[in-house]
Structure formats: C-alpha cells, structure tokens
Protein backbone atom coordinates (compact mmCIF):
# COMPACT_ATOMS: atom_id res chain seq x y z
CA MET A 1 -0.16 -15.13 -16.23
CA THR A 2 -1.89 -18.49 -15.55
CA SER A 3 -5.30 -18.83 -13.77
CA GLU A 4 -3.10 -20.82 -10.95
CA LEU A 5 -0.69 -17.71 -10.63
CA GLN A 6 -3.82 -15.27 -10.85
CA GLY A 7 -5.37 -17.00 -7.97
CA LEU A 8 -2.40 -16.85 -5.92
CA VAL A 9 -1.90 -13.33 -6.42
CA GLY A 10 -5.32 -12.23 -5.34
CA ARG A 11 -4.49 -14.75 -2.30
CA LEU A 12 -1.34 -12.84 -1.74
CA ILE A 13 -2.71 -9.35 -1.71
CA ALA A 14 -5.10 -10.24 0.95
CA LYS A 15 -2.68 -11.79 3.18
CA CYS A 16 -0.29 -9.11 2.66
CA ASP A 17 -2.99 -6.64 3.63
CA GLU A 18 -3.24 -8.84 6.89
CA HIS A 19 0.47 -8.24 7.83
CA ASN A 20 0.57 -4.51 6.55
CA LEU A 21 2.97 -5.51 3.47
CA ALA A 22 2.40 -3.36 0.41
CA TYR A 23 2.69 -5.87 -2.72
CA ASP A 24 2.85 -4.93 -6.11
CA SER A 25 0.40 -7.27 -7.88
CA SER A 26 2.03 -6.50 -11.31
CA VAL A 27 5.12 -8.46 -10.16
CA GLN A 28 4.53 -11.96 -10.28
CA PRO A 29 5.86 -14.47 -7.72
CA VAL A 30 8.25 -16.79 -8.71
CA LYS A 31 7.88 -20.33 -7.98
CA VAL A 32 10.75 -21.85 -6.12
CA GLY A 33 9.32 -25.16 -5.13
CA PRO A 34 6.32 -27.21 -4.68
CA ASP A 35 3.88 -24.94 -2.92
CA CYS A 36 6.77 -22.40 -2.21
CA TYR A 37 7.26 -18.66 -4.16
CA TYR A 38 9.08 -15.76 -3.41
CA PHE A 39 7.82 -12.29 -3.82
CA TYR A 40 8.82 -8.65 -2.94
CA ALA A 41 6.97 -6.56 -0.70
CA THR A 42 7.26 -3.50 1.59
CA PRO A 43 6.62 -3.55 5.08
CA VAL A 44 4.40 -0.47 6.06
CA ASP A 45 5.44 -0.12 9.70
CA ASP A 46 5.71 3.09 11.69
CA LYS A 47 9.26 3.70 10.45
CA CYS A 48 8.04 3.51 6.75
CA HIS A 49 4.92 5.95 7.63
CA LYS A 50 6.78 8.35 9.92
CA LEU A 51 10.19 8.54 8.71
CA GLY A 52 9.90 7.45 5.04
CA PHE A 53 12.43 4.52 5.69
CA CYS A 54 10.40 2.10 3.30
CA LYS A 55 12.11 -0.95 2.23
CA GLU A 56 11.15 -3.45 -0.10
CA GLU A 57 12.08 -7.05 1.26
CA LYS A 58 11.95 -10.64 0.29
CA PHE A 59 9.21 -12.81 1.48
CA TYR A 60 8.41 -16.46 1.01
CA ALA A 61 4.71 -17.64 0.41
CA LEU A 62 4.02 -21.22 1.34
CA THR A 63 0.63 -22.23 -0.42
CA GLY A 64 0.24 -26.00 0.68
CA GLY A 65 -3.30 -26.61 1.43
CA GLU A 66 -6.07 -23.99 1.73
CA THR A 67 -4.33 -21.22 3.55
CA ILE A 68 -1.08 -19.31 2.96
CA GLN A 69 2.17 -18.89 5.14
CA ILE A 70 4.01 -15.65 4.74
CA MET A 71 7.85 -16.04 5.96
CA THR A 72 10.47 -13.70 5.61
CA GLU A 73 13.97 -14.15 4.11
CA ASP A 74 15.14 -15.28 7.63
CA THR A 75 12.55 -17.86 8.07
CA HIS A 76 10.49 -16.06 10.35
CA LYS A 77 6.71 -16.51 10.05
CA LEU A 78 4.50 -13.56 9.69
C-alpha cells in the first residue's frame, strides 16, 4: 500500500466513525478518478444494532483539498 493510500485509509477511518460507518481498513479503497475513491462500509444504525440487519454498502470518498466528503452510491452527501 502506498503512503498516499495509507494516509487516505487513516482519514477514511476517522470520517467513517463520524458518520457511524463500519469500515474495514484491510480492504483498500479503489481510485475511480482524480480525488475520487470508492469503498465499502456498513452503516451502523438502529436497524443494524437492534435487528441485526447490517448491510455493507458502496460509498464514495471525495478527497479534494484538506477534507474528505463521503457520498452514497445515490450521490447523497453524508
């Protein structure tokens, strides 16, 4: 894993924690364009906690600038 990707993974972990997403850092995000990566994470919400319906979903990380924006596959910002 390159140092750029390692830095991204560290920033993704922190951002996913902010949005209650469980992200497996052993699976690298995939670059799809300049400053855009996709990755898989599991939303940890009430449905997941109480009923056990936890589903891994695809998310996008927009990495332009100093901050990361997380978007759903339907292009909704988190």
